[in-house]
PDB file of N, CA and C in Angstrom:
ATOM      1  N   UNK A   1     112.527  89.748 107.282  1.00  0.00           N
ATOM      2  CA  UNK A   1     112.641  90.838 106.327  1.00  0.00           C
ATOM      3  C   UNK A   1     113.525  91.921 106.925  1.00  0.00           C
ATOM      4  N   UNK A   2     114.546  92.274 106.236  1.00  0.00           N
ATOM      5  CA  UNK A   2     115.512  93.216 106.788  1.00  0.00           C
ATOM      6  C   UNK A   2     114.988  94.640 106.880  1.00  0.00           C
ATOM      7  N   UNK A   3     113.901  94.940 106.225  1.00  0.00           N
ATOM      8  CA  UNK A   3     113.380  96.308 106.232  1.00  0.00           C
ATOM      9  C   UNK A   3     112.257  96.508 107.243  1.00  0.00           C
ATOM     10  N   UNK A   4     111.937  95.500 108.028  1.00  0.00           N
ATOM     11  CA  UNK A   4     110.867  95.639 109.020  1.00  0.00           C
ATOM     12  C   UNK A   4     111.107  96.780 109.993  1.00  0.00           C
ATOM     13  N   UNK A   5     112.335  96.939 110.549  1.00  0.00           N
ATOM     14  CA  UNK A   5     112.495  98.047 111.502  1.00  0.00           C
ATOM     15  C   UNK A   5     112.145  99.396 110.898  1.00  0.00           C
ATOM     16  N   UNK A   6     112.592  99.644 109.685  1.00  0.00           N
ATOM     17  CA  UNK A   6     112.269 100.924 109.057  1.00  0.00           C
ATOM     18  C   UNK A   6     110.778 101.021 108.785  1.00  0.00           C
ATOM     19  N   UNK A   7     110.189  99.950 108.272  1.00  0.00           N
ATOM     20  CA  UNK A   7     108.759  99.972 107.974  1.00  0.00           C
ATOM     21  C   UNK A   7     107.948 100.218 109.238  1.00  0.00           C
ATOM     22  N   UNK A   8     108.320  99.584 110.324  1.00  0.00           N
ATOM     23  CA  UNK A   8     107.583  99.767 111.556  1.00  0.00           C
ATOM     24  C   UNK A   8     107.784 101.158 112.138  1.00  0.00           C
ATOM     25  N   UNK A   9     108.945 101.781 111.935  1.00  0.00           N
ATOM     26  CA  UNK A   9     109.135 103.145 112.406  1.00  0.00           C
ATOM     27  C   UNK A   9     108.316 104.121 111.568  1.00  0.00           C
ATOM     28  N   UNK A  10     107.965 103.719 110.388  1.00  0.00           N
ATOM     29  CA  UNK A  10     107.157 104.582 109.535  1.00  0.00           C
ATOM     30  C   UNK A  10     105.683 104.495 109.891  1.00  0.00           C
ATOM     31  N   UNK A  11     105.357 103.759 110.934  1.00  0.00           N
ATOM     32  CA  UNK A  11     103.973 103.669 111.373  1.00  0.00           C
ATOM     33  C   UNK A  11     103.554 104.924 112.124  1.00  0.00           C
ATOM     34  N   UNK A  12     104.490 105.628 112.686  1.00  0.00           N
ATOM     35  CA  UNK A  12     104.174 106.768 113.520  1.00  0.00           C
ATOM     36  C   UNK A  12     103.670 107.989 112.776  1.00  0.00           C
ATOM     37  N   UNK A  13     104.031 108.207 111.524  1.00  0.00           N
ATOM     38  CA  UNK A  13     103.701 109.468 110.896  1.00  0.00           C
ATOM     39  C   UNK A  13     102.235 109.867 110.846  1.00  0.00           C
ATOM     40  N   UNK A  14     101.307 108.962 110.986  1.00  0.00           N
ATOM     41  CA  UNK A  14      99.917 109.375 110.996  1.00  0.00           C
ATOM     42  C   UNK A  14      99.256 109.146 112.347  1.00  0.00           C
ATOM     43  N   UNK A  15      99.969 108.581 113.303  1.00  0.00           N
ATOM     44  CA  UNK A  15      99.357 108.215 114.570  1.00  0.00           C
ATOM     45  C   UNK A  15      98.873 109.439 115.335  1.00  0.00           C
ATOM     46  N   UNK A  16      97.708 109.286 115.931  1.00  0.00           N
ATOM     47  CA  UNK A  16      97.084 110.357 116.692  1.00  0.00           C
ATOM     48  C   UNK A  16      97.087 109.962 118.155  1.00  0.00           C
ATOM     49  N   UNK A  17      97.674 110.783 118.997  1.00  0.00           N
ATOM     50  CA  UNK A  17      97.706 110.518 120.426  1.00  0.00           C
ATOM     51  C   UNK A  17      96.448 111.105 121.058  1.00  0.00           C
ATOM     52  N   UNK A  18      95.947 110.410 122.064  1.00  0.00           N
ATOM     53  CA  UNK A  18      94.738 110.861 122.749  1.00  0.00           C
ATOM     54  C   UNK A  18      94.956 112.242 123.359  1.00  0.00           C
ATOM     55  N   UNK A  19      93.928 113.084 123.271  1.00  0.00           N
ATOM     56  CA  UNK A  19      93.924 114.406 123.871  1.00  0.00           C
ATOM     57  C   UNK A  19      94.941 115.375 123.268  1.00  0.00           C
ATOM     58  N   UNK A  20      95.567 115.029 122.172  1.00  0.00           N
ATOM     59  CA  UNK A  20      96.505 115.933 121.517  1.00  0.00           C
ATOM     60  C   UNK A  20      95.938 116.335 120.164  1.00  0.00           C
ATOM     61  N   UNK A  21      96.307 117.524 119.736  1.00  0.00           N
ATOM     62  CA  UNK A  21      95.924 117.920 118.391  1.00  0.00           C
ATOM     63  C   UNK A  21      96.709 117.083 117.395  1.00  0.00           C
ATOM     64  N   UNK A  22      96.083 116.679 116.308  1.00  0.00           N
ATOM     65  CA  UNK A  22      96.802 115.871 115.324  1.00  0.00           C
ATOM     66  C   UNK A  22      97.900 116.682 114.647  1.00  0.00           C
ATOM     67  N   UNK A  23      98.985 116.004 114.370  1.00  0.00           N
ATOM     68  CA  UNK A  23     100.110 116.627 113.683  1.00  0.00           C
ATOM     69  C   UNK A  23     100.096 116.142 112.239  1.00  0.00           C
ATOM     70  N   UNK A  24     100.263 117.060 111.313  1.00  0.00           N
ATOM     71  CA  UNK A  24     100.279 116.693 109.901  1.00  0.00           C
ATOM     72  C   UNK A  24     101.694 116.305 109.503  1.00  0.00           C
ATOM     73  N   UNK A  25     101.984 115.005 109.609  1.00  0.00           N
ATOM     74  CA  UNK A  25     103.311 114.506 109.277  1.00  0.00           C
ATOM     75  C   UNK A  25     103.564 114.485 107.771  1.00  0.00           C
ATOM     76  N   UNK A  26     102.553 114.773 106.993  1.00  0.00           N
ATOM     77  CA  UNK A  26     102.748 114.884 105.546  1.00  0.00           C
ATOM     78  C   UNK A  26     103.721 116.014 105.222  1.00  0.00           C
ATOM     79  N   UNK A  27     103.791 116.978 106.096  1.00  0.00           N
ATOM     80  CA  UNK A  27     104.645 118.154 105.880  1.00  0.00           C
ATOM     81  C   UNK A  27     106.063 117.951 106.398  1.00  0.00           C
ATOM     82  N   UNK A  28     106.346 116.792 106.994  1.00  0.00           N
ATOM     83  CA  UNK A  28     107.661 116.530 107.582  1.00  0.00           C
ATOM     84  C   UNK A  28     108.603 115.985 106.510  1.00  0.00           C
ATOM     85  N   UNK A  29     109.629 116.748 106.117  1.00  0.00           N
ATOM     86  CA  UNK A  29     110.511 116.300 105.037  1.00  0.00           C
ATOM     87  C   UNK A  29     111.320 115.043 105.383  1.00  0.00           C
ATOM     88  N   UNK A  30     111.645 114.846 106.661  1.00  0.00           N
ATOM     89  CA  UNK A  30     112.392 113.645 107.054  1.00  0.00           C
ATOM     90  C   UNK A  30     111.535 112.394 106.873  1.00  0.00           C
ATOM     91  N   UNK A  31     110.303 112.455 107.291  1.00  0.00           N
ATOM     92  CA  UNK A  31     109.416 111.301 107.149  1.00  0.00           C
ATOM     93  C   UNK A  31     109.158 111.020 105.670  1.00  0.00           C
ATOM     94  N   UNK A  32     108.953 112.058 104.892  1.00  0.00           N
ATOM     95  CA  UNK A  32     108.770 111.871 103.456  1.00  0.00           C
ATOM     96  C   UNK A  32     110.014 111.237 102.847  1.00  0.00           C
ATOM     97  N   UNK A  33     111.190 111.692 103.240  1.00  0.00           N
ATOM     98  CA  UNK A  33     112.446 111.114 102.739  1.00  0.00           C
ATOM     99  C   UNK A  33     112.590 109.654 103.167  1.00  0.00           C
ATOM    100  N   UNK A  34     112.173 109.340 104.392  1.00  0.00           N
ATOM    101  CA  UNK A  34     112.230 107.949 104.865  1.00  0.00           C
ATOM    102  C   UNK A  34     111.346 107.045 104.006  1.00  0.00           C
ATOM    103  N   UNK A  35     110.158 107.526 103.659  1.00  0.00           N
ATOM    104  CA  UNK A  35     109.267 106.738 102.798  1.00  0.00           C
ATOM    105  C   UNK A  35     109.858 106.573 101.403  1.00  0.00           C
ATOM    106  N   UNK A  36     110.440 107.643 100.876  1.00  0.00           N
ATOM    107  CA  UNK A  36     111.085 107.568  99.562  1.00  0.00           C
ATOM    108  C   UNK A  36     112.213 106.537  99.579  1.00  0.00           C
ATOM    109  N   UNK A  37     112.990 106.542 100.640  1.00  0.00           N
ATOM    110  CA  UNK A  37     114.094 105.593 100.775  1.00  0.00           C
ATOM    111  C   UNK A  37     113.565 104.160 100.878  1.00  0.00           C
ATOM    112  N   UNK A  38     112.533 103.971 101.677  1.00  0.00           N
ATOM    113  CA  UNK A  38     111.947 102.630 101.822  1.00  0.00           C
ATOM    114  C   UNK A  38     111.446 102.116 100.473  1.00  0.00           C
ATOM    115  N   UNK A  39     110.786 102.959  99.712  1.00  0.00           N
ATOM    116  CA  UNK A  39     110.293 102.549  98.398  1.00  0.00           C
ATOM    117  C   UNK A  39     111.453 102.258  97.454  1.00  0.00           C
ATOM    118  N   UNK A  40     112.498 103.062  97.505  1.00  0.00           N
ATOM    119  CA  UNK A  40     113.663 102.831  96.651  1.00  0.00           C
ATOM    120  C   UNK A  40     114.369 101.529  97.016  1.00  0.00           C
ATOM    121  N   UNK A  41     114.404 101.199  98.311  1.00  0.00           N
ATOM    122  CA  UNK A  41     115.071  99.981  98.760  1.00  0.00           C
ATOM    123  C   UNK A  41     114.264  98.715  98.475  1.00  0.00           C
ATOM    124  N   UNK A  42     112.962  98.843  98.407  1.00  0.00           N
ATOM    125  CA  UNK A  42     112.094  97.677  98.188  1.00  0.00           C
ATOM    126  C   UNK A  42     111.017  98.016  97.157  1.00  0.00           C
ATOM    127  N   UNK A  43     111.416  98.318  95.933  1.00  0.00           N
ATOM    128  CA  UNK A  43     110.463  98.818  94.934  1.00  0.00           C
ATOM    129  C   UNK A  43     109.421  97.797  94.466  1.00  0.00           C
ATOM    130  N   UNK A  44     109.639  96.527  94.757  1.00  0.00           N
ATOM    131  CA  UNK A  44     108.680  95.507  94.327  1.00  0.00           C
ATOM    132  C   UNK A  44     107.901  94.904  95.489  1.00  0.00           C
ATOM    133  N   UNK A  45     108.071  95.440  96.680  1.00  0.00           N
ATOM    134  CA  UNK A  45     107.360  94.931  97.850  1.00  0.00           C
ATOM    135  C   UNK A  45     105.934  95.495  97.834  1.00  0.00           C
ATOM    136  N   UNK A  46     104.938  94.634  97.673  1.00  0.00           N
ATOM    137  CA  UNK A  46     103.555  95.119  97.579  1.00  0.00           C
ATOM    138  C   UNK A  46     103.090  95.882  98.816  1.00  0.00           C
ATOM    139  N   UNK A  47     103.575  95.502  99.985  1.00  0.00           N
ATOM    140  CA  UNK A  47     103.176  96.203 101.201  1.00  0.00           C
ATOM    141  C   UNK A  47     103.718  97.627 101.207  1.00  0.00           C
ATOM    142  N   UNK A  48     104.974  97.786 100.840  1.00  0.00           N
ATOM    143  CA  UNK A  48     105.580  99.124 100.803  1.00  0.00           C
ATOM    144  C   UNK A  48     104.883  99.973  99.743  1.00  0.00           C
ATOM    145  N   UNK A  49     104.636  99.399  98.588  1.00  0.00           N
ATOM    146  CA  UNK A  49     103.947 100.136  97.519  1.00  0.00           C
ATOM    147  C   UNK A  49     102.573 100.596  97.994  1.00  0.00           C
ATOM    148  N   UNK A  50     101.832  99.678  98.604  1.00  0.00           N
ATOM    149  CA  UNK A  50     100.481  99.992  99.075  1.00  0.00           C
ATOM    150  C   UNK A  50     100.509 101.111 100.111  1.00  0.00           C
ATOM    151  N   UNK A  51     101.378 100.988 101.112  1.00  0.00           N
ATOM    152  CA  UNK A  51     101.419 101.994 102.171  1.00  0.00           C
ATOM    153  C   UNK A  51     101.958 103.333 101.663  1.00  0.00           C
ATOM    154  N   UNK A  52     102.929 103.287 100.767  1.00  0.00           N
ATOM    155  CA  UNK A  52     103.454 104.517 100.173  1.00  0.00           C
ATOM    156  C   UNK A  52     102.339 105.236  99.395  1.00  0.00           C
ATOM    157  N   UNK A  53     101.638 104.495  98.575  1.00  0.00           N
ATOM    158  CA  UNK A  53     100.558 105.089  97.777  1.00  0.00           C
ATOM    159  C   UNK A  53      99.444 105.626  98.671  1.00  0.00           C
ATOM    160  N   UNK A  54      99.118 104.896  99.714  1.00  0.00           N
ATOM    161  CA  UNK A  54      98.088 105.351 100.647  1.00  0.00           C
ATOM    162  C   UNK A  54      98.514 106.651 101.316  1.00  0.00           C
ATOM    163  N   UNK A  55      99.765 106.709 101.743  1.00  0.00           N
ATOM    164  CA  UNK A  55     100.272 107.925 102.389  1.00  0.00           C
ATOM    165  C   UNK A  55     100.226 109.108 101.429  1.00  0.00           C
ATOM    166  N   UNK A  56     100.743 108.910 100.226  1.00  0.00           N
ATOM    167  CA  UNK A  56     100.752 109.995  99.237  1.00  0.00           C
ATOM    168  C   UNK A  56      99.329 110.458  98.926  1.00  0.00           C
ATOM    169  N   UNK A  57      98.446 109.508  98.726  1.00  0.00           N
ATOM    170  CA  UNK A  57      97.064 109.849  98.409  1.00  0.00           C
ATOM    171  C   UNK A  57      96.364 110.582  99.541  1.00  0.00           C
ATOM    172  N   UNK A  58      96.529 110.085 100.758  1.00  0.00           N
ATOM    173  CA  UNK A  58      95.899 110.753 101.892  1.00  0.00           C
ATOM    174  C   UNK A  58      96.481 112.151 102.106  1.00  0.00           C
ATOM    175  N   UNK A  59      97.792 112.269 101.989  1.00  0.00           N
ATOM    176  CA  UNK A  59      98.413 113.591 102.146  1.00  0.00           C
ATOM    177  C   UNK A  59      97.888 114.564 101.091  1.00  0.00           C
ATOM    178  N   UNK A  60      97.770 114.098  99.873  1.00  0.00           N
ATOM    179  CA  UNK A  60      97.263 114.945  98.799  1.00  0.00           C
ATOM    180  C   UNK A  60      95.823 115.392  99.091  1.00  0.00           C
ATOM    181  N   UNK A  61      95.014 114.464  99.538  1.00  0.00           N
ATOM    182  CA  UNK A  61      93.618 114.796  99.832  1.00  0.00           C
ATOM    183  C   UNK A  61      93.501 115.761 101.017  1.00  0.00           C
ATOM    184  N   UNK A  62      94.363 115.591 102.020  1.00  0.00           N
ATOM    185  CA  UNK A  62      94.370 116.525 103.150  1.00  0.00           C
ATOM    186  C   UNK A  62      94.789 117.908 102.665  1.00  0.00           C
ATOM    187  N   UNK A  63      95.838 117.967 101.841  1.00  0.00           N
ATOM    188  CA  UNK A  63      96.304 119.254 101.306  1.00  0.00           C
ATOM    189  C   UNK A  63      95.223 119.964 100.507  1.00  0.00           C
ATOM    190  N   UNK A  64      94.425 119.209  99.791  1.00  0.00           N
ATOM    191  CA  UNK A  64      93.345 119.786  98.984  1.00  0.00           C
ATOM    192  C   UNK A  64      92.118 120.141  99.816  1.00  0.00           C
ATOM    193  N   UNK A  65      92.089 119.710 101.055  1.00  0.00           N
ATOM    194  CA  UNK A  65      90.931 119.963 101.901  1.00  0.00           C
ATOM    195  C   UNK A  65      89.781 119.006 101.635  1.00  0.00           C
ATOM    196  N   UNK A  66      90.053 117.932 100.931  1.00  0.00           N
ATOM    197  CA  UNK A  66      89.000 116.953 100.597  1.00  0.00           C
ATOM    198  C   UNK A  66      88.760 115.961 101.726  1.00  0.00           C
ATOM    199  N   UNK A  67      89.767 115.798 102.587  1.00  0.00           N
ATOM    200  CA  UNK A  67      89.667 114.905 103.737  1.00  0.00           C
ATOM    201  C   UNK A  67      90.278 115.629 104.928  1.00  0.00           C
ATOM    202  N   UNK A  68      89.610 115.537 106.066  1.00  0.00           N
ATOM    203  CA  UNK A  68      90.166 116.132 107.283  1.00  0.00           C
ATOM    204  C   UNK A  68      91.343 115.292 107.754  1.00  0.00           C
ATOM    205  N   UNK A  69      92.308 115.947 108.369  1.00  0.00           N
ATOM    206  CA  UNK A  69      93.497 115.269 108.856  1.00  0.00           C
ATOM    207  C   UNK A  69      93.137 114.126 109.804  1.00  0.00           C
ATOM    208  N   UNK A  70      92.182 114.351 110.674  1.00  0.00           N
ATOM    209  CA  UNK A  70      91.785 113.314 111.626  1.00  0.00           C
ATOM    210  C   UNK A  70      91.279 112.065 110.910  1.00  0.00           C
ATOM    211  N   UNK A  71      90.534 112.246 109.833  1.00  0.00           N
ATOM    212  CA  UNK A  71      90.018 111.107 109.062  1.00  0.00           C
ATOM    213  C   UNK A  71      91.153 110.392 108.336  1.00  0.00           C
ATOM    214  N   UNK A  72      92.086 111.161 107.793  1.00  0.00           N
ATOM    215  CA  UNK A  72      93.248 110.553 107.131  1.00  0.00           C
ATOM    216  C   UNK A  72      94.048 109.720 108.130  1.00  0.00           C
ATOM    217  N   UNK A  73      94.203 110.228 109.333  1.00  0.00           N
ATOM    218  CA  UNK A  73      94.924 109.498 110.376  1.00  0.00           C
ATOM    219  C   UNK A  73      94.195 108.198 110.698  1.00  0.00           C
ATOM    220  N   UNK A  74      92.888 108.267 110.833  1.00  0.00           N
ATOM    221  CA  UNK A  74      92.088 107.075 111.141  1.00  0.00           C
ATOM    222  C   UNK A  74      92.221 106.034 110.035  1.00  0.00           C
ATOM    223  N   UNK A  75      92.111 106.461 108.802  1.00  0.00           N
ATOM    224  CA  UNK A  75      92.241 105.548 107.660  1.00  0.00           C
ATOM    225  C   UNK A  75      93.638 104.932 107.641  1.00  0.00           C
ATOM    226  N   UNK A  76      94.665 105.756 107.819  1.00  0.00           N
ATOM    227  CA  UNK A  76      96.046 105.257 107.830  1.00  0.00           C
ATOM    228  C   UNK A  76      96.241 104.202 108.910  1.00  0.00           C
ATOM    229  N   UNK A  77      95.807 104.527 110.128  1.00  0.00           N
ATOM    230  CA  UNK A  77      96.005 103.597 111.236  1.00  0.00           C
ATOM    231  C   UNK A  77      95.356 102.242 110.964  1.00  0.00           C
ATOM    232  N   UNK A  78      94.144 102.260 110.439  1.00  0.00           N
ATOM    233  CA  UNK A  78      93.432 101.014 110.150  1.00  0.00           C
ATOM    234  C   UNK A  78      94.134 100.231 109.052  1.00  0.00           C
ATOM    235  N   UNK A  79      94.429 100.868 107.944  1.00  0.00           N
ATOM    236  CA  UNK A  79      95.026 100.169 106.807  1.00  0.00           C
ATOM    237  C   UNK A  79      96.460  99.733 107.083  1.00  0.00           C
ATOM    238  N   UNK A  80      97.200 100.542 107.802  1.00  0.00           N
ATOM    239  CA  UNK A  80      98.569 100.155 108.137  1.00  0.00           C
ATOM    240  C   UNK A  80      98.565  98.922 109.037  1.00  0.00           C
ATOM    241  N   UNK A  81      97.737  98.938 110.076  1.00  0.00           N
ATOM    242  CA  UNK A  81      97.667  97.794 110.987  1.00  0.00           C
ATOM    243  C   UNK A  81      97.232  96.539 110.240  1.00  0.00           C
ATOM    244  N   UNK A  82      96.245  96.667 109.377  1.00  0.00           N
ATOM    245  CA  UNK A  82      95.762  95.531 108.592  1.00  0.00           C
ATOM    246  C   UNK A  82      96.873  94.974 107.693  1.00  0.00           C
ATOM    247  N   UNK A  83      97.588  95.855 107.030  1.00  0.00           N
ATOM    248  CA  UNK A  83      98.647  95.427 106.114  1.00  0.00           C
ATOM    249  C   UNK A  83      99.795  94.740 106.844  1.00  0.00           C
ATOM    250  N   UNK A  84     100.216  95.324 107.952  1.00  0.00           N
ATOM    251  CA  UNK A  84     101.312  94.732 108.710  1.00  0.00           C
ATOM    252  C   UNK A  84     100.892  93.383 109.285  1.00  0.00           C
ATOM    253  N   UNK A  85      99.675  93.294 109.802  1.00  0.00           N
ATOM    254  CA  UNK A  85      99.192  92.015 110.331  1.00  0.00           C
ATOM    255  C   UNK A  85      99.124  90.945 109.247  1.00  0.00           C
ATOM    256  N   UNK A  86      98.654  91.308 108.073  1.00  0.00           N
ATOM    257  CA  UNK A  86      98.616  90.349 106.966  1.00  0.00           C
ATOM    258  C   UNK A  86     100.019  89.866 106.615  1.00  0.00           C
ATOM    259  N   UNK A  87     100.983  90.771 106.600  1.00  0.00           N
ATOM    260  CA  UNK A  87     102.360  90.402 106.291  1.00  0.00           C
ATOM    261  C   UNK A  87     102.915  89.457 107.358  1.00  0.00           C
ATOM    262  N   UNK A  88     102.677  89.778 108.617  1.00  0.00           N
ATOM    263  CA  UNK A  88     103.163  88.921 109.695  1.00  0.00           C
ATOM    264  C   UNK A  88     102.546  87.527 109.615  1.00  0.00           C
ATOM    265  N   UNK A  89     101.254  87.458 109.365  1.00  0.00           N
ATOM    266  CA  UNK A  89     100.593  86.156 109.245  1.00  0.00           C
ATOM    267  C   UNK A  89     101.135  85.371 108.062  1.00  0.00           C
ATOM    268  N   UNK A  90     101.341  86.046 106.951  1.00  0.00           N
ATOM    269  CA  UNK A  90     101.889  85.390 105.769  1.00  0.00           C
ATOM    270  C   UNK A  90     103.278  84.830 106.055  1.00  0.00           C
ATOM    271  N   UNK A  91     104.113  85.608 106.702  1.00  0.00           N
ATOM    272  CA  UNK A  91     105.460  85.149 107.024  1.00  0.00           C
ATOM    273  C   UNK A  91     105.442  84.004 108.024  1.00  0.00           C
ATOM    274  N   UNK A  92     104.520  84.058 108.972  1.00  0.00           N
ATOM    275  CA  UNK A  92     104.413  82.964 109.935  1.00  0.00           C
ATOM    276  C   UNK A  92     103.993  81.674 109.229  1.00  0.00           C
ATOM    277  N   UNK A  93     103.065  81.786 108.285  1.00  0.00           N
ATOM    278  CA  UNK A  93     102.615  80.611 107.540  1.00  0.00           C
ATOM    279  C   UNK A  93     103.740  80.018 106.708  1.00  0.00           C
ATOM    280  N   UNK A  94     104.601  80.862 106.222  1.00  0.00           N
ATOM    281  CA  UNK A  94     105.728  80.397 105.412  1.00  0.00           C
ATOM    282  C   UNK A  94     106.886  79.895 106.277  1.00  0.00           C
ATOM    283  N   UNK A  95     106.786  80.090 107.572  1.00  0.00           N
ATOM    284  CA  UNK A  95     107.817  79.616 108.475  1.00  0.00           C
ATOM    285  C   UNK A  95     108.987  80.542 108.645  1.00  0.00           C
ATOM    286  N   UNK A  96     108.893  81.736 108.121  1.00  0.00           N
ATOM    287  CA  UNK A  96     109.994  82.698 108.252  1.00  0.00           C
ATOM    288  C   UNK A  96     110.065  83.261 109.659  1.00  0.00           C
ATOM    289  N   UNK A  97     108.912  83.448 110.254  1.00  0.00           N
ATOM    290  CA  UNK A  97     108.869  84.022 111.604  1.00  0.00           C
ATOM    291  C   UNK A  97     108.378  82.943 112.549  1.00  0.00           C
ATOM    292  N   UNK A  98     109.155  82.666 113.568  1.00  0.00           N
ATOM    293  CA  UNK A  98     108.765  81.691 114.573  1.00  0.00           C
ATOM    294  C   UNK A  98     108.030  82.368 115.733  1.00  0.00           C
ATOM    295  N   UNK A  99     108.444  83.582 116.058  1.00  0.00           N
ATOM    296  CA  UNK A  99     107.809  84.333 117.154  1.00  0.00           C
ATOM    297  C   UNK A  99     107.708  85.779 116.724  1.00  0.00           C
ATOM    298  N   UNK A 100     106.849  86.514 117.393  1.00  0.00           N
ATOM    299  CA  UNK A 100     106.723  87.943 117.147  1.00  0.00           C
ATOM    300  C   UNK A 100     107.546  88.611 118.159  1.00  0.00           C
TER     301      UNK A 100
END
């Protein structure tokens, strides 16, 4: 998949580093633009749609104060890892990927 590098670079926006205060990447216009571009480039990719919607929803809930940033980060990390792993396994089963 030609968009994997961009998709994988978009994994960082919610990542929480140990012993650091969480950064709200929802407020970063470059990261938001990168997600918009990824969705525009692959508008029918279910993984991109799912992760884009999850990001938008979590950011909205954080902005409203309905979810703490730390919880949004935790949810993002879990769902992103699950989605990417499912995609990799699917591609391996189809024979597209021989090695990781």
